[in-house]
Amino acid sequence: RGSPALVTLVGVYAHCGNTYGCGDTAAVQAIARDTTA
């Protein structure tokens, strides 16, 4: 709402870098579900 002619919000962004330490697919999928939610 500020000054869209100067700065425009395109969207929101989240990076699941916390999956890097996961040991299996189920753990990655759990983080992906939590992030999506």
ModelCIF file with pLDDT and N, C-alpha, C, O atoms, coordinates in Angstrom:
data_MODEL
#
_entry.id   MODEL 
#
_entity.id                         1 
_entity.type                       polymer 
_entity.pdbx_number_of_molecules   1 
#
_entity_poly.entity_id                      1 
_entity_poly.type                           'polypeptide(L)' 
_entity_poly.nstd_linkage                   no 
_entity_poly.nstd_monomer                   no 
_entity_poly.pdbx_seq_one_letter_code       RGSPALVTLVGVYAHCGNTYGCGDTAAVQAIARDTTA 
_entity_poly.pdbx_seq_one_letter_code_can   RGSPALVTLVGVYAHCGNTYGCGDTAAVQAIARDTTA 
_entity_poly.pdbx_strand_id                 A 
#
loop_
_entity_poly_seq.entity_id 
_entity_poly_seq.num 
_entity_poly_seq.mon_id 
_entity_poly_seq.hetero 
1 1  ARG n 
1 2  GLY n 
1 3  SER n 
1 4  PRO n 
1 5  ALA n 
1 6  LEU n 
1 7  VAL n 
1 8  THR n 
1 9  LEU n 
1 10 VAL n 
1 11 GLY n 
1 12 VAL n 
1 13 TYR n 
1 14 ALA n 
1 15 HIS n 
1 16 CYS n 
1 17 GLY n 
1 18 ASN n 
1 19 THR n 
1 20 TYR n 
1 21 GLY n 
1 22 CYS n 
1 23 GLY n 
1 24 ASP n 
1 25 THR n 
1 26 ALA n 
1 27 ALA n 
1 28 VAL n 
1 29 GLN n 
1 30 ALA n 
1 31 ILE n 
1 32 ALA n 
1 33 ARG n 
1 34 ASP n 
1 35 THR n 
1 36 THR n 
1 37 ALA n 
#
_struct_asym.id          A 
_struct_asym.entity_id   1 
#
loop_
_ma_qa_metric.id 
_ma_qa_metric.mode 
_ma_qa_metric.name 
_ma_qa_metric.software_group_id 
_ma_qa_metric.type 
1 global pLDDT . pLDDT 
2 local  pLDDT . pLDDT 
#
_ma_qa_metric_global.metric_id      1 
_ma_qa_metric_global.metric_value   91.84 
_ma_qa_metric_global.model_id       1 
_ma_qa_metric_global.ordinal_id     1 
#
loop_
_ma_qa_metric_local.label_asym_id 
_ma_qa_metric_local.label_comp_id 
_ma_qa_metric_local.label_seq_id 
_ma_qa_metric_local.metric_id 
_ma_qa_metric_local.metric_value 
_ma_qa_metric_local.model_id 
_ma_qa_metric_local.ordinal_id 
A ARG 1  2 91.00 1 1  
A GLY 2  2 88.00 1 2  
A SER 3  2 90.00 1 3  
A PRO 4  2 89.00 1 4  
A ALA 5  2 91.00 1 5  
A LEU 6  2 95.00 1 6  
A VAL 7  2 97.00 1 7  
A THR 8  2 96.00 1 8  
A LEU 9  2 96.00 1 9  
A VAL 10 2 95.00 1 10 
A GLY 11 2 95.00 1 11 
A VAL 12 2 95.00 1 12 
A TYR 13 2 94.00 1 13 
A ALA 14 2 93.00 1 14 
A HIS 15 2 88.00 1 15 
A CYS 16 2 83.00 1 16 
A GLY 17 2 81.00 1 17 
A ASN 18 2 85.00 1 18 
A THR 19 2 84.00 1 19 
A TYR 20 2 88.00 1 20 
A GLY 21 2 88.00 1 21 
A CYS 22 2 88.00 1 22 
A GLY 23 2 92.00 1 23 
A ASP 24 2 95.00 1 24 
A THR 25 2 96.00 1 25 
A ALA 26 2 95.00 1 26 
A ALA 27 2 94.00 1 27 
A VAL 28 2 94.00 1 28 
A GLN 29 2 95.00 1 29 
A ALA 30 2 94.00 1 30 
A ILE 31 2 93.00 1 31 
A ALA 32 2 93.00 1 32 
A ARG 33 2 94.00 1 33 
A ASP 34 2 93.00 1 34 
A THR 35 2 92.00 1 35 
A THR 36 2 94.00 1 36 
A ALA 37 2 94.00 1 37 
#
loop_
_atom_site.group_PDB 
_atom_site.id 
_atom_site.type_symbol 
_atom_site.label_atom_id 
_atom_site.label_alt_id 
_atom_site.label_comp_id 
_atom_site.label_asym_id 
_atom_site.label_entity_id 
_atom_site.label_seq_id 
_atom_site.pdbx_PDB_ins_code 
_atom_site.Cartn_x 
_atom_site.Cartn_y 
_atom_site.Cartn_z 
_atom_site.occupancy 
_atom_site.B_iso_or_equiv 
_atom_site.pdbx_formal_charge 
_atom_site.auth_seq_id 
_atom_site.auth_comp_id 
_atom_site.auth_asym_id 
_atom_site.auth_atom_id 
_atom_site.pdbx_PDB_model_num 
ATOM 1   N N  . ARG A 1 1  ? 0.800  -1.223  0.000  1.00 91.00 ? 1  ARG A N  1 
ATOM 2   C CA . ARG A 1 1  ? 0.000  0.000   0.000  1.00 91.00 ? 1  ARG A CA 1 
ATOM 3   C C  . ARG A 1 1  ? 0.836  1.277   0.000  1.00 91.00 ? 1  ARG A C  1 
ATOM 4   O O  . ARG A 1 1  ? 0.313  2.366   -0.236 1.00 91.00 ? 1  ARG A O  1 
ATOM 5   N N  . GLY A 1 2  ? 2.122  1.140   0.263  1.00 88.00 ? 2  GLY A N  1 
ATOM 6   C CA . GLY A 1 2  ? 2.973  2.319   0.426  1.00 88.00 ? 2  GLY A CA 1 
ATOM 7   C C  . GLY A 1 2  ? 3.099  3.171   -0.808 1.00 88.00 ? 2  GLY A C  1 
ATOM 8   O O  . GLY A 1 2  ? 2.380  4.158   -0.958 1.00 88.00 ? 2  GLY A O  1 
ATOM 9   N N  . SER A 1 3  ? 3.991  2.811   -1.683 1.00 90.00 ? 3  SER A N  1 
ATOM 10  C CA . SER A 1 3  ? 4.251  3.559   -2.916 1.00 90.00 ? 3  SER A CA 1 
ATOM 11  C C  . SER A 1 3  ? 4.472  2.570   -4.047 1.00 90.00 ? 3  SER A C  1 
ATOM 12  O O  . SER A 1 3  ? 5.610  2.359   -4.467 1.00 90.00 ? 3  SER A O  1 
ATOM 13  N N  . PRO A 1 4  ? 3.392  1.953   -4.553 1.00 89.00 ? 4  PRO A N  1 
ATOM 14  C CA . PRO A 1 4  ? 3.571  0.914   -5.578 1.00 89.00 ? 4  PRO A CA 1 
ATOM 15  C C  . PRO A 1 4  ? 4.229  1.405   -6.865 1.00 89.00 ? 4  PRO A C  1 
ATOM 16  O O  . PRO A 1 4  ? 4.741  0.598   -7.641 1.00 89.00 ? 4  PRO A O  1 
ATOM 17  N N  . ALA A 1 5  ? 4.221  2.698   -7.097 1.00 91.00 ? 5  ALA A N  1 
ATOM 18  C CA . ALA A 1 5  ? 4.910  3.209   -8.288 1.00 91.00 ? 5  ALA A CA 1 
ATOM 19  C C  . ALA A 1 5  ? 6.427  3.179   -8.092 1.00 91.00 ? 5  ALA A C  1 
ATOM 20  O O  . ALA A 1 5  ? 7.184  3.257   -9.060 1.00 91.00 ? 5  ALA A O  1 
ATOM 21  N N  . LEU A 1 6  ? 6.868  3.065   -6.834 1.00 95.00 ? 6  LEU A N  1 
ATOM 22  C CA . LEU A 1 6  ? 8.300  2.995   -6.538 1.00 95.00 ? 6  LEU A CA 1 
ATOM 23  C C  . LEU A 1 6  ? 8.742  1.592   -6.156 1.00 95.00 ? 6  LEU A C  1 
ATOM 24  O O  . LEU A 1 6  ? 9.784  1.111   -6.602 1.00 95.00 ? 6  LEU A O  1 
ATOM 25  N N  . VAL A 1 7  ? 7.930  0.938   -5.319 1.00 97.00 ? 7  VAL A N  1 
ATOM 26  C CA . VAL A 1 7  ? 8.228  -0.409  -4.822 1.00 97.00 ? 7  VAL A CA 1 
ATOM 27  C C  . VAL A 1 7  ? 6.953  -1.242  -4.935 1.00 97.00 ? 7  VAL A C  1 
ATOM 28  O O  . VAL A 1 7  ? 5.931  -0.908  -4.337 1.00 97.00 ? 7  VAL A O  1 
ATOM 29  N N  . THR A 1 8  ? 7.020  -2.314  -5.694 1.00 96.00 ? 8  THR A N  1 
ATOM 30  C CA . THR A 1 8  ? 5.848  -3.149  -5.936 1.00 96.00 ? 8  THR A CA 1 
ATOM 31  C C  . THR A 1 8  ? 6.042  -4.529  -5.319 1.00 96.00 ? 8  THR A C  1 
ATOM 32  O O  . THR A 1 8  ? 7.053  -5.193  -5.547 1.00 96.00 ? 8  THR A O  1 
ATOM 33  N N  . LEU A 1 9  ? 5.053  -4.943  -4.535 1.00 96.00 ? 9  LEU A N  1 
ATOM 34  C CA . LEU A 1 9  ? 5.079  -6.278  -3.937 1.00 96.00 ? 9  LEU A CA 1 
ATOM 35  C C  . LEU A 1 9  ? 4.664  -7.302  -4.998 1.00 96.00 ? 9  LEU A C  1 
ATOM 36  O O  . LEU A 1 9  ? 3.557  -7.242  -5.532 1.00 96.00 ? 9  LEU A O  1 
ATOM 37  N N  . VAL A 1 10 ? 5.558  -8.232  -5.291 1.00 95.00 ? 10 VAL A N  1 
ATOM 38  C CA . VAL A 1 10 ? 5.305  -9.280  -6.275 1.00 95.00 ? 10 VAL A CA 1 
ATOM 39  C C  . VAL A 1 10 ? 4.676  -10.493 -5.610 1.00 95.00 ? 10 VAL A C  1 
ATOM 40  O O  . VAL A 1 10 ? 3.783  -11.125 -6.175 1.00 95.00 ? 10 VAL A O  1 
ATOM 41  N N  . GLY A 1 11 ? 5.148  -10.821 -4.396 1.00 95.00 ? 11 GLY A N  1 
ATOM 42  C CA . GLY A 1 11 ? 4.628  -11.996 -3.714 1.00 95.00 ? 11 GLY A CA 1 
ATOM 43  C C  . GLY A 1 11 ? 5.385  -12.263 -2.430 1.00 95.00 ? 11 GLY A C  1 
ATOM 44  O O  . GLY A 1 11 ? 6.109  -11.398 -1.936 1.00 95.00 ? 11 GLY A O  1 
ATOM 45  N N  . VAL A 1 12 ? 5.221  -13.450 -1.896 1.00 95.00 ? 12 VAL A N  1 
ATOM 46  C CA . VAL A 1 12 ? 5.958  -13.879 -0.716 1.00 95.00 ? 12 VAL A CA 1 
ATOM 47  C C  . VAL A 1 12 ? 6.881  -15.028 -1.112 1.00 95.00 ? 12 VAL A C  1 
ATOM 48  O O  . VAL A 1 12 ? 6.605  -15.771 -2.054 1.00 95.00 ? 12 VAL A O  1 
ATOM 49  N N  . TYR A 1 13 ? 7.966  -15.155 -0.383 1.00 94.00 ? 13 TYR A N  1 
ATOM 50  C CA . TYR A 1 13 ? 9.001  -16.112 -0.731 1.00 94.00 ? 13 TYR A CA 1 
ATOM 51  C C  . TYR A 1 13 ? 9.479  -16.810 0.538  1.00 94.00 ? 13 TYR A C  1 
ATOM 52  O O  . TYR A 1 13 ? 9.762  -16.155 1.541  1.00 94.00 ? 13 TYR A O  1 
ATOM 53  N N  . ALA A 1 14 ? 9.568  -18.112 0.496  1.00 93.00 ? 14 ALA A N  1 
ATOM 54  C CA . ALA A 1 14 ? 10.119 -18.894 1.597  1.00 93.00 ? 14 ALA A CA 1 
ATOM 55  C C  . ALA A 1 14 ? 11.080 -19.922 1.018  1.00 93.00 ? 14 ALA A C  1 
ATOM 56  O O  . ALA A 1 14 ? 10.803 -20.531 -0.015 1.00 93.00 ? 14 ALA A O  1 
ATOM 57  N N  . HIS A 1 15 ? 12.189 -20.108 1.679  1.00 88.00 ? 15 HIS A N  1 
ATOM 58  C CA . HIS A 1 15 ? 13.205 -21.072 1.251  1.00 88.00 ? 15 HIS A CA 1 
ATOM 59  C C  . HIS A 1 15 ? 13.351 -22.125 2.342  1.00 88.00 ? 15 HIS A C  1 
ATOM 60  O O  . HIS A 1 15 ? 13.587 -21.793 3.503  1.00 88.00 ? 15 HIS A O  1 
ATOM 61  N N  . CYS A 1 16 ? 13.213 -23.363 1.978  1.00 83.00 ? 16 CYS A N  1 
ATOM 62  C CA . CYS A 1 16 ? 13.276 -24.466 2.952  1.00 83.00 ? 16 CYS A CA 1 
ATOM 63  C C  . CYS A 1 16 ? 14.707 -24.964 3.127  1.00 83.00 ? 16 CYS A C  1 
ATOM 64  O O  . CYS A 1 16 ? 14.981 -26.155 2.979  1.00 83.00 ? 16 CYS A O  1 
ATOM 65  N N  . GLY A 1 17 ? 15.606 -24.052 3.441  1.00 81.00 ? 17 GLY A N  1 
ATOM 66  C CA . GLY A 1 17 ? 16.994 -24.443 3.681  1.00 81.00 ? 17 GLY A CA 1 
ATOM 67  C C  . GLY A 1 17 ? 17.144 -25.349 4.886  1.00 81.00 ? 17 GLY A C  1 
ATOM 68  O O  . GLY A 1 17 ? 18.166 -26.020 5.039  1.00 81.00 ? 17 GLY A O  1 
ATOM 69  N N  . ASN A 1 18 ? 16.126 -25.375 5.750  1.00 85.00 ? 18 ASN A N  1 
ATOM 70  C CA . ASN A 1 18 ? 16.178 -26.262 6.910  1.00 85.00 ? 18 ASN A CA 1 
ATOM 71  C C  . ASN A 1 18 ? 16.010 -27.725 6.509  1.00 85.00 ? 18 ASN A C  1 
ATOM 72  O O  . ASN A 1 18 ? 16.099 -28.606 7.365  1.00 85.00 ? 18 ASN A O  1 
ATOM 73  N N  . THR A 1 19 ? 15.772 -28.002 5.239  1.00 84.00 ? 19 THR A N  1 
ATOM 74  C CA . THR A 1 19 ? 15.717 -29.393 4.777  1.00 84.00 ? 19 THR A CA 1 
ATOM 75  C C  . THR A 1 19 ? 17.111 -29.968 4.529  1.00 84.00 ? 19 THR A C  1 
ATOM 76  O O  . THR A 1 19 ? 17.266 -31.183 4.410  1.00 84.00 ? 19 THR A O  1 
ATOM 77  N N  . TYR A 1 20 ? 18.113 -29.113 4.450  1.00 88.00 ? 20 TYR A N  1 
ATOM 78  C CA . TYR A 1 20 ? 19.458 -29.584 4.113  1.00 88.00 ? 20 TYR A CA 1 
ATOM 79  C C  . TYR A 1 20 ? 19.972 -30.631 5.095  1.00 88.00 ? 20 TYR A C  1 
ATOM 80  O O  . TYR A 1 20 ? 20.741 -31.514 4.716  1.00 88.00 ? 20 TYR A O  1 
ATOM 81  N N  . GLY A 1 21 ? 19.553 -30.538 6.347  1.00 88.00 ? 21 GLY A N  1 
ATOM 82  C CA . GLY A 1 21 ? 20.013 -31.491 7.346  1.00 88.00 ? 21 GLY A CA 1 
ATOM 83  C C  . GLY A 1 21 ? 19.126 -32.710 7.498  1.00 88.00 ? 21 GLY A C  1 
ATOM 84  O O  . GLY A 1 21 ? 19.373 -33.550 8.364  1.00 88.00 ? 21 GLY A O  1 
ATOM 85  N N  . CYS A 1 22 ? 18.107 -32.819 6.679  1.00 88.00 ? 22 CYS A N  1 
ATOM 86  C CA . CYS A 1 22 ? 17.187 -33.958 6.791  1.00 88.00 ? 22 CYS A CA 1 
ATOM 87  C C  . CYS A 1 22 ? 17.862 -35.253 6.354  1.00 88.00 ? 22 CYS A C  1 
ATOM 88  O O  . CYS A 1 22 ? 18.695 -35.269 5.448  1.00 88.00 ? 22 CYS A O  1 
ATOM 89  N N  . GLY A 1 23 ? 17.484 -36.321 7.015  1.00 92.00 ? 23 GLY A N  1 
ATOM 90  C CA . GLY A 1 23 ? 18.081 -37.614 6.708  1.00 92.00 ? 23 GLY A CA 1 
ATOM 91  C C  . GLY A 1 23 ? 17.252 -38.488 5.788  1.00 92.00 ? 23 GLY A C  1 
ATOM 92  O O  . GLY A 1 23 ? 17.724 -39.518 5.307  1.00 92.00 ? 23 GLY A O  1 
ATOM 93  N N  . ASP A 1 24 ? 16.001 -38.073 5.541  1.00 95.00 ? 24 ASP A N  1 
ATOM 94  C CA . ASP A 1 24 ? 15.169 -38.900 4.667  1.00 95.00 ? 24 ASP A CA 1 
ATOM 95  C C  . ASP A 1 24 ? 14.069 -38.063 4.010  1.00 95.00 ? 24 ASP A C  1 
ATOM 96  O O  . ASP A 1 24 ? 13.834 -36.907 4.362  1.00 95.00 ? 24 ASP A O  1 
ATOM 97  N N  . THR A 1 25 ? 13.421 -38.685 3.063  1.00 96.00 ? 25 THR A N  1 
ATOM 98  C CA . THR A 1 25 ? 12.370 -38.011 2.295  1.00 96.00 ? 25 THR A CA 1 
ATOM 99  C C  . THR A 1 25 ? 11.210 -37.582 3.177  1.00 96.00 ? 25 THR A C  1 
ATOM 100 O O  . THR A 1 25 ? 10.663 -36.496 2.987  1.00 96.00 ? 25 THR A O  1 
ATOM 101 N N  . ALA A 1 26 ? 10.828 -38.405 4.131  1.00 95.00 ? 26 ALA A N  1 
ATOM 102 C CA . ALA A 1 26 ? 9.700  -38.068 5.004  1.00 95.00 ? 26 ALA A CA 1 
ATOM 103 C C  . ALA A 1 26 ? 9.968  -36.777 5.774  1.00 95.00 ? 26 ALA A C  1 
ATOM 104 O O  . ALA A 1 26 ? 9.058  -35.968 5.952  1.00 95.00 ? 26 ALA A O  1 
ATOM 105 N N  . ALA A 1 27 ? 11.197 -36.575 6.230  1.00 94.00 ? 27 ALA A N  1 
ATOM 106 C CA . ALA A 1 27 ? 11.546 -35.358 6.971  1.00 94.00 ? 27 ALA A CA 1 
ATOM 107 C C  . ALA A 1 27 ? 11.472 -34.129 6.061  1.00 94.00 ? 27 ALA A C  1 
ATOM 108 O O  . ALA A 1 27 ? 10.992 -33.074 6.478  1.00 94.00 ? 27 ALA A O  1 
ATOM 109 N N  . VAL A 1 28 ? 11.948 -34.265 4.820  1.00 94.00 ? 28 VAL A N  1 
ATOM 110 C CA . VAL A 1 28 ? 11.870 -33.169 3.852  1.00 94.00 ? 28 VAL A CA 1 
ATOM 111 C C  . VAL A 1 28 ? 10.404 -32.831 3.572  1.00 94.00 ? 28 VAL A C  1 
ATOM 112 O O  . VAL A 1 28 ? 10.025 -31.661 3.537  1.00 94.00 ? 28 VAL A O  1 
ATOM 113 N N  . GLN A 1 29 ? 9.599  -33.853 3.377  1.00 95.00 ? 29 GLN A N  1 
ATOM 114 C CA . GLN A 1 29 ? 8.175  -33.632 3.098  1.00 95.00 ? 29 GLN A CA 1 
ATOM 115 C C  . GLN A 1 29 ? 7.461  -32.971 4.267  1.00 95.00 ? 29 GLN A C  1 
ATOM 116 O O  . GLN A 1 29 ? 6.568  -32.150 4.055  1.00 95.00 ? 29 GLN A O  1 
ATOM 117 N N  . ALA A 1 30 ? 7.833  -33.310 5.487  1.00 94.00 ? 30 ALA A N  1 
ATOM 118 C CA . ALA A 1 30 ? 7.222  -32.691 6.670  1.00 94.00 ? 30 ALA A CA 1 
ATOM 119 C C  . ALA A 1 30 ? 7.543  -31.203 6.718  1.00 94.00 ? 30 ALA A C  1 
ATOM 120 O O  . ALA A 1 30 ? 6.666  -30.389 7.009  1.00 94.00 ? 30 ALA A O  1 
ATOM 121 N N  . ILE A 1 31 ? 8.789  -30.841 6.434  1.00 93.00 ? 31 ILE A N  1 
ATOM 122 C CA . ILE A 1 31 ? 9.171  -29.427 6.405  1.00 93.00 ? 31 ILE A CA 1 
ATOM 123 C C  . ILE A 1 31 ? 8.441  -28.711 5.278  1.00 93.00 ? 31 ILE A C  1 
ATOM 124 O O  . ILE A 1 31 ? 7.976  -27.585 5.457  1.00 93.00 ? 31 ILE A O  1 
ATOM 125 N N  . ALA A 1 32 ? 8.337  -29.347 4.129  1.00 93.00 ? 32 ALA A N  1 
ATOM 126 C CA . ALA A 1 32 ? 7.613  -28.734 3.005  1.00 93.00 ? 32 ALA A CA 1 
ATOM 127 C C  . ALA A 1 32 ? 6.148  -28.492 3.360  1.00 93.00 ? 32 ALA A C  1 
ATOM 128 O O  . ALA A 1 32 ? 5.600  -27.439 3.032  1.00 93.00 ? 32 ALA A O  1 
ATOM 129 N N  . ARG A 1 33 ? 5.516  -29.441 4.017  1.00 94.00 ? 33 ARG A N  1 
ATOM 130 C CA . ARG A 1 33 ? 4.117  -29.269 4.441  1.00 94.00 ? 33 ARG A CA 1 
ATOM 131 C C  . ARG A 1 33 ? 3.978  -28.136 5.449  1.00 94.00 ? 33 ARG A C  1 
ATOM 132 O O  . ARG A 1 33 ? 3.072  -27.310 5.341  1.00 94.00 ? 33 ARG A O  1 
ATOM 133 N N  . ASP A 1 34 ? 4.878  -28.099 6.429  1.00 93.00 ? 34 ASP A N  1 
ATOM 134 C CA . ASP A 1 34 ? 4.825  -27.050 7.443  1.00 93.00 ? 34 ASP A CA 1 
ATOM 135 C C  . ASP A 1 34 ? 5.039  -25.676 6.823  1.00 93.00 ? 34 ASP A C  1 
ATOM 136 O O  . ASP A 1 34 ? 4.348  -24.717 7.169  1.00 93.00 ? 34 ASP A O  1 
ATOM 137 N N  . THR A 1 35 ? 5.999  -25.582 5.905  1.00 92.00 ? 35 THR A N  1 
ATOM 138 C CA . THR A 1 35 ? 6.277  -24.311 5.236  1.00 92.00 ? 35 THR A CA 1 
ATOM 139 C C  . THR A 1 35 ? 5.090  -23.870 4.397  1.00 92.00 ? 35 THR A C  1 
ATOM 140 O O  . THR A 1 35 ? 4.698  -22.704 4.427  1.00 92.00 ? 35 THR A O  1 
ATOM 141 N N  . THR A 1 36 ? 4.524  -24.799 3.653  1.00 94.00 ? 36 THR A N  1 
ATOM 142 C CA . THR A 1 36 ? 3.348  -24.480 2.837  1.00 94.00 ? 36 THR A CA 1 
ATOM 143 C C  . THR A 1 36 ? 2.197  -23.994 3.707  1.00 94.00 ? 36 THR A C  1 
ATOM 144 O O  . THR A 1 36 ? 1.540  -23.010 3.368  1.00 94.00 ? 36 THR A O  1 
ATOM 145 N N  . ALA A 1 37 ? 1.951  -24.660 4.803  1.00 94.00 ? 37 ALA A N  1 
ATOM 146 C CA . ALA A 1 37 ? 0.870  -24.259 5.709  1.00 94.00 ? 37 ALA A CA 1 
ATOM 147 C C  . ALA A 1 37 ? 1.134  -22.862 6.274  1.00 94.00 ? 37 ALA A C  1 
ATOM 148 O O  . ALA A 1 37 ? 0.334  -22.352 7.058  1.00 94.00 ? 37 ALA A O  1 
#
